[in-house]
């Protein structure tokens, strides 16, 4: 099968769209994309995703209407993110210890995702 990602990356590069490569390996993304590389410890991406979700929720940027109309179990996830269910809030600092990504960079990435 042919990998279909390259043409899309070329379009992003032509437009000058910022790309962030979060990977243990710098060369996971072709050089022509000029991606910012955020190194992460292998197999720790879920911790990063949880911290991003925590931070987006903390900032109040989640789409409550969508979550209530299209998702099941959001309240349980929110409780997990906030540490209600296990006593451990999934903060950027928590994820930093696991992923090796600095706390401030995780918080900034969350703000970038929501366009702040």
PDB file of N, CA and C in Angstrom:
ATOM      1  N   UNK A   1       0.838  -1.179   0.000  1.00  0.00           N
ATOM      2  CA  UNK A   1       0.000   0.000   0.000  1.00  0.00           C
ATOM      3  C   UNK A   1       0.880   1.239   0.000  1.00  0.00           C
ATOM      4  N   UNK A   2       0.424   2.263  -0.676  1.00  0.00           N
ATOM      5  CA  UNK A   2       1.164   3.514  -0.763  1.00  0.00           C
ATOM      6  C   UNK A   2       0.797   4.418   0.408  1.00  0.00           C
ATOM      7  N   UNK A   3       1.797   4.993   1.007  1.00  0.00           N
ATOM      8  CA  UNK A   3       1.562   5.905   2.124  1.00  0.00           C
ATOM      9  C   UNK A   3       1.047   7.226   1.568  1.00  0.00           C
ATOM     10  N   UNK A   4      -0.107   7.658   2.013  1.00  0.00           N
ATOM     11  CA  UNK A   4      -0.769   8.837   1.444  1.00  0.00           C
ATOM     12  C   UNK A   4      -0.482  10.124   2.209  1.00  0.00           C
ATOM     13  N   UNK A   5       0.385  10.091   3.183  1.00  0.00           N
ATOM     14  CA  UNK A   5       0.629  11.269   4.007  1.00  0.00           C
ATOM     15  C   UNK A   5       1.477  12.329   3.302  1.00  0.00           C
ATOM     16  N   UNK A   6       2.426  11.900   2.491  1.00  0.00           N
ATOM     17  CA  UNK A   6       3.376  12.843   1.895  1.00  0.00           C
ATOM     18  C   UNK A   6       2.696  13.986   1.132  1.00  0.00           C
ATOM     19  N   UNK A   7       1.706  13.725   0.257  1.00  0.00           N
ATOM     20  CA  UNK A   7       1.072  14.850  -0.454  1.00  0.00           C
ATOM     21  C   UNK A   7       0.425  15.863   0.492  1.00  0.00           C
ATOM     22  N   UNK A   8      -0.134  15.390   1.582  1.00  0.00           N
ATOM     23  CA  UNK A   8      -0.757  16.300   2.548  1.00  0.00           C
ATOM     24  C   UNK A   8       0.297  17.119   3.278  1.00  0.00           C
ATOM     25  N   UNK A   9       1.403  16.499   3.612  1.00  0.00           N
ATOM     26  CA  UNK A   9       2.491  17.239   4.251  1.00  0.00           C
ATOM     27  C   UNK A   9       3.062  18.283   3.295  1.00  0.00           C
ATOM     28  N   UNK A  10       3.144  17.940   2.005  1.00  0.00           N
ATOM     29  CA  UNK A  10       3.629  18.899   1.013  1.00  0.00           C
ATOM     30  C   UNK A  10       2.694  20.109   0.926  1.00  0.00           C
ATOM     31  N   UNK A  11       1.392  19.864   0.988  1.00  0.00           N
ATOM     32  CA  UNK A  11       0.425  20.972   0.973  1.00  0.00           C
ATOM     33  C   UNK A  11       0.614  21.868   2.193  1.00  0.00           C
ATOM     34  N   UNK A  12       0.792  21.246   3.357  1.00  0.00           N
ATOM     35  CA  UNK A  12       1.018  22.031   4.575  1.00  0.00           C
ATOM     36  C   UNK A  12       2.278  22.883   4.450  1.00  0.00           C
ATOM     37  N   UNK A  13       3.334  22.280   3.915  1.00  0.00           N
ATOM     38  CA  UNK A  13       4.600  22.995   3.769  1.00  0.00           C
ATOM     39  C   UNK A  13       4.447  24.172   2.809  1.00  0.00           C
ATOM     40  N   UNK A  14       3.746  23.968   1.695  1.00  0.00           N
ATOM     41  CA  UNK A  14       3.540  25.051   0.726  1.00  0.00           C
ATOM     42  C   UNK A  14       2.760  26.207   1.340  1.00  0.00           C
ATOM     43  N   UNK A  15       1.797  25.879   2.190  1.00  0.00           N
ATOM     44  CA  UNK A  15       0.978  26.914   2.838  1.00  0.00           C
ATOM     45  C   UNK A  15       1.697  27.579   4.012  1.00  0.00           C
ATOM     46  N   UNK A  16       2.770  26.956   4.476  1.00  0.00           N
ATOM     47  CA  UNK A  16       3.465  27.482   5.646  1.00  0.00           C
ATOM     48  C   UNK A  16       2.762  27.163   6.951  1.00  0.00           C
ATOM     49  N   UNK A  17       1.927  26.125   6.926  1.00  0.00           N
ATOM     50  CA  UNK A  17       1.192  25.717   8.122  1.00  0.00           C
ATOM     51  C   UNK A  17       2.157  25.139   9.153  1.00  0.00           C
ATOM     52  N   UNK A  18       2.103  25.625  10.388  1.00  0.00           N
ATOM     53  CA  UNK A  18       2.978  25.060  11.419  1.00  0.00           C
ATOM     54  C   UNK A  18       2.638  23.588  11.683  1.00  0.00           C
ATOM     55  N   UNK A  19       3.672  22.789  11.807  1.00  0.00           N
ATOM     56  CA  UNK A  19       3.516  21.363  12.095  1.00  0.00           C
ATOM     57  C   UNK A  19       4.366  21.043  13.317  1.00  0.00           C
ATOM     58  N   UNK A  20       3.805  20.266  14.217  1.00  0.00           N
ATOM     59  CA  UNK A  20       4.536  19.831  15.406  1.00  0.00           C
ATOM     60  C   UNK A  20       4.655  18.318  15.349  1.00  0.00           C
ATOM     61  N   UNK A  21       5.877  17.837  15.406  1.00  0.00           N
ATOM     62  CA  UNK A  21       6.163  16.405  15.387  1.00  0.00           C
ATOM     63  C   UNK A  21       6.461  15.962  16.814  1.00  0.00           C
ATOM     64  N   UNK A  22       5.530  15.230  17.413  1.00  0.00           N
ATOM     65  CA  UNK A  22       5.730  14.714  18.767  1.00  0.00           C
ATOM     66  C   UNK A  22       6.100  13.249  18.621  1.00  0.00           C
ATOM     67  N   UNK A  23       7.363  12.956  18.831  1.00  0.00           N
ATOM     68  CA  UNK A  23       7.874  11.617  18.553  1.00  0.00           C
ATOM     69  C   UNK A  23       9.213  11.421  19.250  1.00  0.00           C
ATOM     70  N   UNK A  24       9.540  10.175  19.582  1.00  0.00           N
ATOM     71  CA  UNK A  24      10.881   9.920  20.102  1.00  0.00           C
ATOM     72  C   UNK A  24      11.959  10.191  19.052  1.00  0.00           C
ATOM     73  N   UNK A  25      11.575  10.123  17.766  1.00  0.00           N
ATOM     74  CA  UNK A  25      12.542  10.257  16.680  1.00  0.00           C
ATOM     75  C   UNK A  25      12.319  11.555  15.907  1.00  0.00           C
ATOM     76  N   UNK A  26      13.367  12.330  15.772  1.00  0.00           N
ATOM     77  CA  UNK A  26      13.282  13.594  15.039  1.00  0.00           C
ATOM     78  C   UNK A  26      12.900  13.366  13.580  1.00  0.00           C
ATOM     79  N   UNK A  27      13.396  12.301  12.984  1.00  0.00           N
ATOM     80  CA  UNK A  27      13.172  12.086  11.550  1.00  0.00           C
ATOM     81  C   UNK A  27      11.848  11.395  11.232  1.00  0.00           C
ATOM     82  N   UNK A  28      10.919  11.385  12.169  1.00  0.00           N
ATOM     83  CA  UNK A  28       9.576  10.859  11.908  1.00  0.00           C
ATOM     84  C   UNK A  28       8.813  11.722  10.909  1.00  0.00           C
ATOM     85  N   UNK A  29       9.262  12.939  10.726  1.00  0.00           N
ATOM     86  CA  UNK A  29       8.589  13.885   9.840  1.00  0.00           C
ATOM     87  C   UNK A  29       9.618  14.359   8.810  1.00  0.00           C
ATOM     88  N   UNK A  30       9.253  14.386   7.532  1.00  0.00           N
ATOM     89  CA  UNK A  30      10.208  14.819   6.508  1.00  0.00           C
ATOM     90  C   UNK A  30      10.723  16.237   6.769  1.00  0.00           C
ATOM     91  N   UNK A  31      11.979  16.481   6.412  1.00  0.00           N
ATOM     92  CA  UNK A  31      12.595  17.787   6.661  1.00  0.00           C
ATOM     93  C   UNK A  31      11.871  18.925   5.963  1.00  0.00           C
ATOM     94  N   UNK A  32      11.298  18.667   4.779  1.00  0.00           N
ATOM     95  CA  UNK A  32      10.662  19.746   4.022  1.00  0.00           C
ATOM     96  C   UNK A  32       9.469  20.359   4.757  1.00  0.00           C
ATOM     97  N   UNK A  33       8.929  19.657   5.736  1.00  0.00           N
ATOM     98  CA  UNK A  33       7.790  20.170   6.496  1.00  0.00           C
ATOM     99  C   UNK A  33       8.238  21.253   7.483  1.00  0.00           C
ATOM    100  N   UNK A  34       9.518  21.211   7.865  1.00  0.00           N
ATOM    101  CA  UNK A  34      10.066  22.161   8.829  1.00  0.00           C
ATOM    102  C   UNK A  34       9.275  22.130  10.142  1.00  0.00           C
ATOM    103  N   UNK A  35       9.012  20.934  10.614  1.00  0.00           N
ATOM    104  CA  UNK A  35       8.207  20.741  11.825  1.00  0.00           C
ATOM    105  C   UNK A  35       9.011  21.048  13.080  1.00  0.00           C
ATOM    106  N   UNK A  36       8.314  21.576  14.073  1.00  0.00           N
ATOM    107  CA  UNK A  36       8.904  21.683  15.403  1.00  0.00           C
ATOM    108  C   UNK A  36       8.901  20.277  15.987  1.00  0.00           C
ATOM    109  N   UNK A  37      10.025  19.863  16.523  1.00  0.00           N
ATOM    110  CA  UNK A  37      10.112  18.526  17.101  1.00  0.00           C
ATOM    111  C   UNK A  37      10.003  18.619  18.615  1.00  0.00           C
ATOM    112  N   UNK A  38       9.058  17.880  19.168  1.00  0.00           N
ATOM    113  CA  UNK A  38       8.935  17.739  20.613  1.00  0.00           C
ATOM    114  C   UNK A  38       9.258  16.280  20.932  1.00  0.00           C
ATOM    115  N   UNK A  39      10.461  16.022  21.463  1.00  0.00           N
ATOM    116  CA  UNK A  39      10.801  14.638  21.788  1.00  0.00           C
ATOM    117  C   UNK A  39       9.980  14.131  22.969  1.00  0.00           C
ATOM    118  N   UNK A  40       9.552  12.896  22.876  1.00  0.00           N
ATOM    119  CA  UNK A  40       8.742  12.261  23.913  1.00  0.00           C
ATOM    120  C   UNK A  40       9.307  10.868  24.176  1.00  0.00           C
ATOM    121  N   UNK A  41       9.260  10.444  25.420  1.00  0.00           N
ATOM    122  CA  UNK A  41       9.689   9.073  25.727  1.00  0.00           C
ATOM    123  C   UNK A  41       8.768   8.089  25.008  1.00  0.00           C
ATOM    124  N   UNK A  42       9.330   7.003  24.491  1.00  0.00           N
ATOM    125  CA  UNK A  42       8.494   6.014  23.797  1.00  0.00           C
ATOM    126  C   UNK A  42       7.359   5.502  24.689  1.00  0.00           C
ATOM    127  N   UNK A  43       6.218   5.296  24.063  1.00  0.00           N
ATOM    128  CA  UNK A  43       5.039   4.700  24.709  1.00  0.00           C
ATOM    129  C   UNK A  43       4.448   5.538  25.837  1.00  0.00           C
ATOM    130  N   UNK A  44       4.635   6.854  25.779  1.00  0.00           N
ATOM    131  CA  UNK A  44       4.060   7.721  26.814  1.00  0.00           C
ATOM    132  C   UNK A  44       3.063   8.720  26.232  1.00  0.00           C
ATOM    133  N   UNK A  45       2.638   8.491  24.997  1.00  0.00           N
ATOM    134  CA  UNK A  45       1.744   9.437  24.328  1.00  0.00           C
ATOM    135  C   UNK A  45       0.389   9.567  25.019  1.00  0.00           C
ATOM    136  N   UNK A  46      -0.098   8.513  25.648  1.00  0.00           N
ATOM    137  CA  UNK A  46      -1.395   8.603  26.330  1.00  0.00           C
ATOM    138  C   UNK A  46      -1.306   9.577  27.505  1.00  0.00           C
ATOM    139  N   UNK A  47      -0.205   9.564  28.233  1.00  0.00           N
ATOM    140  CA  UNK A  47      -0.038  10.527  29.330  1.00  0.00           C
ATOM    141  C   UNK A  47      -0.087  11.954  28.789  1.00  0.00           C
ATOM    142  N   UNK A  48       0.539  12.189  27.643  1.00  0.00           N
ATOM    143  CA  UNK A  48       0.488  13.516  27.032  1.00  0.00           C
ATOM    144  C   UNK A  48      -0.942  13.873  26.644  1.00  0.00           C
ATOM    145  N   UNK A  49      -1.647  12.954  26.021  1.00  0.00           N
ATOM    146  CA  UNK A  49      -3.033  13.221  25.610  1.00  0.00           C
ATOM    147  C   UNK A  49      -3.922  13.535  26.811  1.00  0.00           C
ATOM    148  N   UNK A  50      -3.741  12.799  27.896  1.00  0.00           N
ATOM    149  CA  UNK A  50      -4.537  13.063  29.097  1.00  0.00           C
ATOM    150  C   UNK A  50      -4.240  14.451  29.664  1.00  0.00           C
ATOM    151  N   UNK A  51      -2.961  14.823  29.682  1.00  0.00           N
ATOM    152  CA  UNK A  51      -2.602  16.150  30.193  1.00  0.00           C
ATOM    153  C   UNK A  51      -3.145  17.255  29.292  1.00  0.00           C
ATOM    154  N   UNK A  52      -3.136  17.035  27.991  1.00  0.00           N
ATOM    155  CA  UNK A  52      -3.710  18.028  27.074  1.00  0.00           C
ATOM    156  C   UNK A  52      -5.210  18.163  27.320  1.00  0.00           C
ATOM    157  N   UNK A  53      -5.882  17.039  27.492  1.00  0.00           N
ATOM    158  CA  UNK A  53      -7.323  17.078  27.781  1.00  0.00           C
ATOM    159  C   UNK A  53      -7.581  17.780  29.113  1.00  0.00           C
ATOM    160  N   UNK A  54      -6.765  17.487  30.115  1.00  0.00           N
ATOM    161  CA  UNK A  54      -6.893  18.150  31.419  1.00  0.00           C
ATOM    162  C   UNK A  54      -6.772  19.664  31.261  1.00  0.00           C
ATOM    163  N   UNK A  55      -5.738  20.077  30.543  1.00  0.00           N
ATOM    164  CA  UNK A  55      -5.461  21.508  30.406  1.00  0.00           C
ATOM    165  C   UNK A  55      -6.549  22.205  29.587  1.00  0.00           C
ATOM    166  N   UNK A  56      -7.024  21.575  28.536  1.00  0.00           N
ATOM    167  CA  UNK A  56      -8.113  22.146  27.731  1.00  0.00           C
ATOM    168  C   UNK A  56      -9.358  22.308  28.595  1.00  0.00           C
ATOM    169  N   UNK A  57      -9.630  21.306  29.409  1.00  0.00           N
ATOM    170  CA  UNK A  57     -10.775  21.379  30.323  1.00  0.00           C
ATOM    171  C   UNK A  57     -10.561  22.462  31.381  1.00  0.00           C
ATOM    172  N   UNK A  58      -9.352  22.552  31.916  1.00  0.00           N
ATOM    173  CA  UNK A  58      -9.046  23.567  32.936  1.00  0.00           C
ATOM    174  C   UNK A  58      -9.257  24.975  32.385  1.00  0.00           C
ATOM    175  N   UNK A  59      -8.936  25.141  31.117  1.00  0.00           N
ATOM    176  CA  UNK A  59      -9.098  26.440  30.468  1.00  0.00           C
ATOM    177  C   UNK A  59     -10.540  26.702  30.046  1.00  0.00           C
ATOM    178  N   UNK A  60     -11.400  25.698  30.207  1.00  0.00           N
ATOM    179  CA  UNK A  60     -12.807  25.853  29.841  1.00  0.00           C
ATOM    180  C   UNK A  60     -13.046  25.863  28.346  1.00  0.00           C
ATOM    181  N   UNK A  61     -12.151  25.250  27.588  1.00  0.00           N
ATOM    182  CA  UNK A  61     -12.240  25.300  26.129  1.00  0.00           C
ATOM    183  C   UNK A  61     -12.925  24.081  25.512  1.00  0.00           C
ATOM    184  N   UNK A  62     -13.402  23.165  26.332  1.00  0.00           N
ATOM    185  CA  UNK A  62     -14.093  22.000  25.785  1.00  0.00           C
ATOM    186  C   UNK A  62     -15.473  22.415  25.277  1.00  0.00           C
ATOM    187  N   UNK A  63     -15.957  21.726  24.276  1.00  0.00           N
ATOM    188  CA  UNK A  63     -17.273  22.010  23.691  1.00  0.00           C
ATOM    189  C   UNK A  63     -18.314  21.192  24.452  1.00  0.00           C
ATOM    190  N   UNK A  64     -18.861  21.779  25.502  1.00  0.00           N
ATOM    191  CA  UNK A  64     -19.817  21.078  26.374  1.00  0.00           C
ATOM    192  C   UNK A  64     -21.031  20.566  25.601  1.00  0.00           C
ATOM    193  N   UNK A  65     -21.569  21.380  24.705  1.00  0.00           N
ATOM    194  CA  UNK A  65     -22.757  20.964  23.948  1.00  0.00           C
ATOM    195  C   UNK A  65     -22.459  19.719  23.126  1.00  0.00           C
ATOM    196  N   UNK A  66     -21.315  19.710  22.455  1.00  0.00           N
ATOM    197  CA  UNK A  66     -20.935  18.542  21.660  1.00  0.00           C
ATOM    198  C   UNK A  66     -20.717  17.327  22.555  1.00  0.00           C
ATOM    199  N   UNK A  67     -20.008  17.521  23.646  1.00  0.00           N
ATOM    200  CA  UNK A  67     -19.722  16.407  24.549  1.00  0.00           C
ATOM    201  C   UNK A  67     -21.003  15.780  25.085  1.00  0.00           C
ATOM    202  N   UNK A  68     -21.981  16.601  25.424  1.00  0.00           N
ATOM    203  CA  UNK A  68     -23.233  16.074  25.975  1.00  0.00           C
ATOM    204  C   UNK A  68     -24.129  15.452  24.913  1.00  0.00           C
ATOM    205  N   UNK A  69     -24.046  15.941  23.684  1.00  0.00           N
ATOM    206  CA  UNK A  69     -24.940  15.418  22.642  1.00  0.00           C
ATOM    207  C   UNK A  69     -24.337  14.272  21.833  1.00  0.00           C
ATOM    208  N   UNK A  70     -23.008  14.143  21.822  1.00  0.00           N
ATOM    209  CA  UNK A  70     -22.383  13.148  20.955  1.00  0.00           C
ATOM    210  C   UNK A  70     -21.476  12.145  21.672  1.00  0.00           C
ATOM    211  N   UNK A  71     -21.262  12.310  22.949  1.00  0.00           N
ATOM    212  CA  UNK A  71     -20.317  11.449  23.662  1.00  0.00           C
ATOM    213  C   UNK A  71     -20.974  10.802  24.874  1.00  0.00           C
ATOM    214  N   UNK A  72     -20.497   9.628  25.194  1.00  0.00           N
ATOM    215  CA  UNK A  72     -20.960   8.912  26.377  1.00  0.00           C
ATOM    216  C   UNK A  72     -19.763   8.765  27.313  1.00  0.00           C
ATOM    217  N   UNK A  73     -19.952   9.079  28.580  1.00  0.00           N
ATOM    218  CA  UNK A  73     -18.896   8.871  29.561  1.00  0.00           C
ATOM    219  C   UNK A  73     -17.983  10.056  29.783  1.00  0.00           C
ATOM    220  N   UNK A  74     -18.364  11.216  29.264  1.00  0.00           N
ATOM    221  CA  UNK A  74     -17.484  12.375  29.440  1.00  0.00           C
ATOM    222  C   UNK A  74     -17.278  12.715  30.917  1.00  0.00           C
ATOM    223  N   UNK A  75     -18.312  12.641  31.722  1.00  0.00           N
ATOM    224  CA  UNK A  75     -18.154  12.988  33.137  1.00  0.00           C
ATOM    225  C   UNK A  75     -17.155  12.059  33.822  1.00  0.00           C
ATOM    226  N   UNK A  76     -17.174  10.785  33.457  1.00  0.00           N
ATOM    227  CA  UNK A  76     -16.203   9.846  34.026  1.00  0.00           C
ATOM    228  C   UNK A  76     -14.782  10.216  33.591  1.00  0.00           C
ATOM    229  N   UNK A  77     -14.639  10.617  32.331  1.00  0.00           N
ATOM    230  CA  UNK A  77     -13.324  11.050  31.861  1.00  0.00           C
ATOM    231  C   UNK A  77     -12.890  12.310  32.602  1.00  0.00           C
ATOM    232  N   UNK A  78     -13.785  13.273  32.735  1.00  0.00           N
ATOM    233  CA  UNK A  78     -13.458  14.512  33.451  1.00  0.00           C
ATOM    234  C   UNK A  78     -13.030  14.203  34.884  1.00  0.00           C
ATOM    235  N   UNK A  79     -13.742  13.297  35.533  1.00  0.00           N
ATOM    236  CA  UNK A  79     -13.369  12.897  36.895  1.00  0.00           C
ATOM    237  C   UNK A  79     -11.976  12.281  36.916  1.00  0.00           C
ATOM    238  N   UNK A  80     -11.676  11.455  35.923  1.00  0.00           N
ATOM    239  CA  UNK A  80     -10.357  10.835  35.839  1.00  0.00           C
ATOM    240  C   UNK A  80      -9.281  11.895  35.608  1.00  0.00           C
ATOM    241  N   UNK A  81      -9.537  12.827  34.686  1.00  0.00           N
ATOM    242  CA  UNK A  81      -8.572  13.891  34.408  1.00  0.00           C
ATOM    243  C   UNK A  81      -8.284  14.722  35.652  1.00  0.00           C
ATOM    244  N   UNK A  82      -9.312  14.970  36.443  1.00  0.00           N
ATOM    245  CA  UNK A  82      -9.171  15.804  37.639  1.00  0.00           C
ATOM    246  C   UNK A  82      -8.722  15.034  38.875  1.00  0.00           C
ATOM    247  N   UNK A  83      -8.543  13.739  38.753  1.00  0.00           N
ATOM    248  CA  UNK A  83      -8.064  12.941  39.871  1.00  0.00           C
ATOM    249  C   UNK A  83      -9.137  12.518  40.847  1.00  0.00           C
ATOM    250  N   UNK A  84     -10.407  12.738  40.507  1.00  0.00           N
ATOM    251  CA  UNK A  84     -11.504  12.361  41.406  1.00  0.00           C
ATOM    252  C   UNK A  84     -11.534  10.851  41.597  1.00  0.00           C
ATOM    253  N   UNK A  85     -11.330  10.121  40.512  1.00  0.00           N
ATOM    254  CA  UNK A  85     -11.477   8.664  40.581  1.00  0.00           C
ATOM    255  C   UNK A  85     -10.244   7.945  41.112  1.00  0.00           C
ATOM    256  N   UNK A  86      -9.056   8.561  40.999  1.00  0.00           N
ATOM    257  CA  UNK A  86      -7.849   7.851  41.440  1.00  0.00           C
ATOM    258  C   UNK A  86      -6.891   8.698  42.271  1.00  0.00           C
ATOM    259  N   UNK A  87      -7.272   9.947  42.568  1.00  0.00           N
ATOM    260  CA  UNK A  87      -6.431  10.798  43.394  1.00  0.00           C
ATOM    261  C   UNK A  87      -5.245  11.427  42.682  1.00  0.00           C
ATOM    262  N   UNK A  88      -5.170  11.267  41.358  1.00  0.00           N
ATOM    263  CA  UNK A  88      -4.045  11.811  40.599  1.00  0.00           C
ATOM    264  C   UNK A  88      -4.575  12.658  39.448  1.00  0.00           C
ATOM    265  N   UNK A  89      -4.474  13.974  39.569  1.00  0.00           N
ATOM    266  CA  UNK A  89      -4.885  14.852  38.472  1.00  0.00           C
ATOM    267  C   UNK A  89      -3.878  14.714  37.334  1.00  0.00           C
ATOM    268  N   UNK A  90      -4.380  14.663  36.121  1.00  0.00           N
ATOM    269  CA  UNK A  90      -3.539  14.440  34.942  1.00  0.00           C
ATOM    270  C   UNK A  90      -3.030  15.777  34.400  1.00  0.00           C
ATOM    271  N   UNK A  91      -2.314  16.493  35.241  1.00  0.00           N
ATOM    272  CA  UNK A  91      -1.814  17.828  34.937  1.00  0.00           C
ATOM    273  C   UNK A  91      -0.617  17.760  33.988  1.00  0.00           C
ATOM    274  N   UNK A  92      -0.250  18.893  33.395  1.00  0.00           N
ATOM    275  CA  UNK A  92       0.979  18.909  32.608  1.00  0.00           C
ATOM    276  C   UNK A  92       2.208  18.486  33.420  1.00  0.00           C
ATOM    277  N   UNK A  93       2.272  18.849  34.689  1.00  0.00           N
ATOM    278  CA  UNK A  93       3.411  18.432  35.523  1.00  0.00           C
ATOM    279  C   UNK A  93       3.433  16.919  35.692  1.00  0.00           C
ATOM    280  N   UNK A  94       2.264  16.322  35.890  1.00  0.00           N
ATOM    281  CA  UNK A  94       2.164  14.865  36.001  1.00  0.00           C
ATOM    282  C   UNK A  94       2.678  14.218  34.722  1.00  0.00           C
ATOM    283  N   UNK A  95       2.235  14.725  33.576  1.00  0.00           N
ATOM    284  CA  UNK A  95       2.640  14.142  32.296  1.00  0.00           C
ATOM    285  C   UNK A  95       4.111  14.396  31.997  1.00  0.00           C
ATOM    286  N   UNK A  96       4.628  15.524  32.441  1.00  0.00           N
ATOM    287  CA  UNK A  96       6.030  15.839  32.204  1.00  0.00           C
ATOM    288  C   UNK A  96       6.949  14.784  32.808  1.00  0.00           C
ATOM    289  N   UNK A  97       6.634  14.355  34.017  1.00  0.00           N
ATOM    290  CA  UNK A  97       7.437  13.319  34.675  1.00  0.00           C
ATOM    291  C   UNK A  97       7.436  12.017  33.883  1.00  0.00           C
ATOM    292  N   UNK A  98       6.361  11.744  33.187  1.00  0.00           N
ATOM    293  CA  UNK A  98       6.220  10.495  32.433  1.00  0.00           C
ATOM    294  C   UNK A  98       6.812  10.616  31.032  1.00  0.00           C
ATOM    295  N   UNK A  99       6.511  11.726  30.360  1.00  0.00           N
ATOM    296  CA  UNK A  99       6.866  11.879  28.945  1.00  0.00           C
ATOM    297  C   UNK A  99       8.247  12.469  28.700  1.00  0.00           C
ATOM    298  N   UNK A 100       8.741  13.224  29.669  1.00  0.00           N
ATOM    299  CA  UNK A 100       9.996  13.936  29.472  1.00  0.00           C
ATOM    300  C   UNK A 100       9.817  15.283  28.784  1.00  0.00           C
ATOM    301  N   UNK A 101       8.590  15.649  28.459  1.00  0.00           N
ATOM    302  CA  UNK A 101       8.302  16.952  27.849  1.00  0.00           C
ATOM    303  C   UNK A 101       8.128  17.960  28.985  1.00  0.00           C
ATOM    304  N   UNK A 102       8.769  19.115  28.897  1.00  0.00           N
ATOM    305  CA  UNK A 102       8.633  20.101  29.977  1.00  0.00           C
ATOM    306  C   UNK A 102       7.175  20.509  30.220  1.00  0.00           C
ATOM    307  N   UNK A 103       6.854  20.734  31.474  1.00  0.00           N
ATOM    308  CA  UNK A 103       5.498  21.119  31.876  1.00  0.00           C
ATOM    309  C   UNK A 103       4.989  22.315  31.080  1.00  0.00           C
ATOM    310  N   UNK A 104       5.814  23.344  30.961  1.00  0.00           N
ATOM    311  CA  UNK A 104       5.396  24.561  30.255  1.00  0.00           C
ATOM    312  C   UNK A 104       5.100  24.277  28.785  1.00  0.00           C
ATOM    313  N   UNK A 105       5.844  23.352  28.176  1.00  0.00           N
ATOM    314  CA  UNK A 105       5.613  23.043  26.755  1.00  0.00           C
ATOM    315  C   UNK A 105       4.294  22.310  26.581  1.00  0.00           C
ATOM    316  N   UNK A 106       3.952  21.437  27.529  1.00  0.00           N
ATOM    317  CA  UNK A 106       2.662  20.737  27.461  1.00  0.00           C
ATOM    318  C   UNK A 106       1.524  21.741  27.591  1.00  0.00           C
ATOM    319  N   UNK A 107       1.644  22.669  28.529  1.00  0.00           N
ATOM    320  CA  UNK A 107       0.610  23.692  28.712  1.00  0.00           C
ATOM    321  C   UNK A 107       0.488  24.566  27.469  1.00  0.00           C
ATOM    322  N   UNK A 108       1.615  24.930  26.868  1.00  0.00           N
ATOM    323  CA  UNK A 108       1.592  25.733  25.646  1.00  0.00           C
ATOM    324  C   UNK A 108       0.962  24.952  24.499  1.00  0.00           C
ATOM    325  N   UNK A 109       1.280  23.683  24.389  1.00  0.00           N
ATOM    326  CA  UNK A 109       0.697  22.854  23.334  1.00  0.00           C
ATOM    327  C   UNK A 109      -0.825  22.812  23.457  1.00  0.00           C
ATOM    328  N   UNK A 110      -1.329  22.703  24.667  1.00  0.00           N
ATOM    329  CA  UNK A 110      -2.787  22.719  24.871  1.00  0.00           C
ATOM    330  C   UNK A 110      -3.378  24.039  24.388  1.00  0.00           C
ATOM    331  N   UNK A 111      -2.713  25.140  24.708  1.00  0.00           N
ATOM    332  CA  UNK A 111      -3.208  26.447  24.253  1.00  0.00           C
ATOM    333  C   UNK A 111      -3.128  26.560  22.733  1.00  0.00           C
ATOM    334  N   UNK A 112      -2.096  25.994  22.143  1.00  0.00           N
ATOM    335  CA  UNK A 112      -1.990  26.005  20.679  1.00  0.00           C
ATOM    336  C   UNK A 112      -3.141  25.211  20.058  1.00  0.00           C
ATOM    337  N   UNK A 113      -3.482  24.103  20.663  1.00  0.00           N
ATOM    338  CA  UNK A 113      -4.571  23.272  20.137  1.00  0.00           C
ATOM    339  C   UNK A 113      -5.910  24.003  20.145  1.00  0.00           C
ATOM    340  N   UNK A 114      -6.116  24.857  21.128  1.00  0.00           N
ATOM    341  CA  UNK A 114      -7.397  25.573  21.205  1.00  0.00           C
ATOM    342  C   UNK A 114      -7.319  26.970  20.593  1.00  0.00           C
ATOM    343  N   UNK A 115      -6.153  27.312  20.056  1.00  0.00           N
ATOM    344  CA  UNK A 115      -6.017  28.579  19.353  1.00  0.00           C
ATOM    345  C   UNK A 115      -5.882  29.795  20.234  1.00  0.00           C
ATOM    346  N   UNK A 116      -5.296  29.603  21.411  1.00  0.00           N
ATOM    347  CA  UNK A 116      -5.094  30.736  22.330  1.00  0.00           C
ATOM    348  C   UNK A 116      -3.637  31.152  22.297  1.00  0.00           C
TER     349      UNK A 116
END
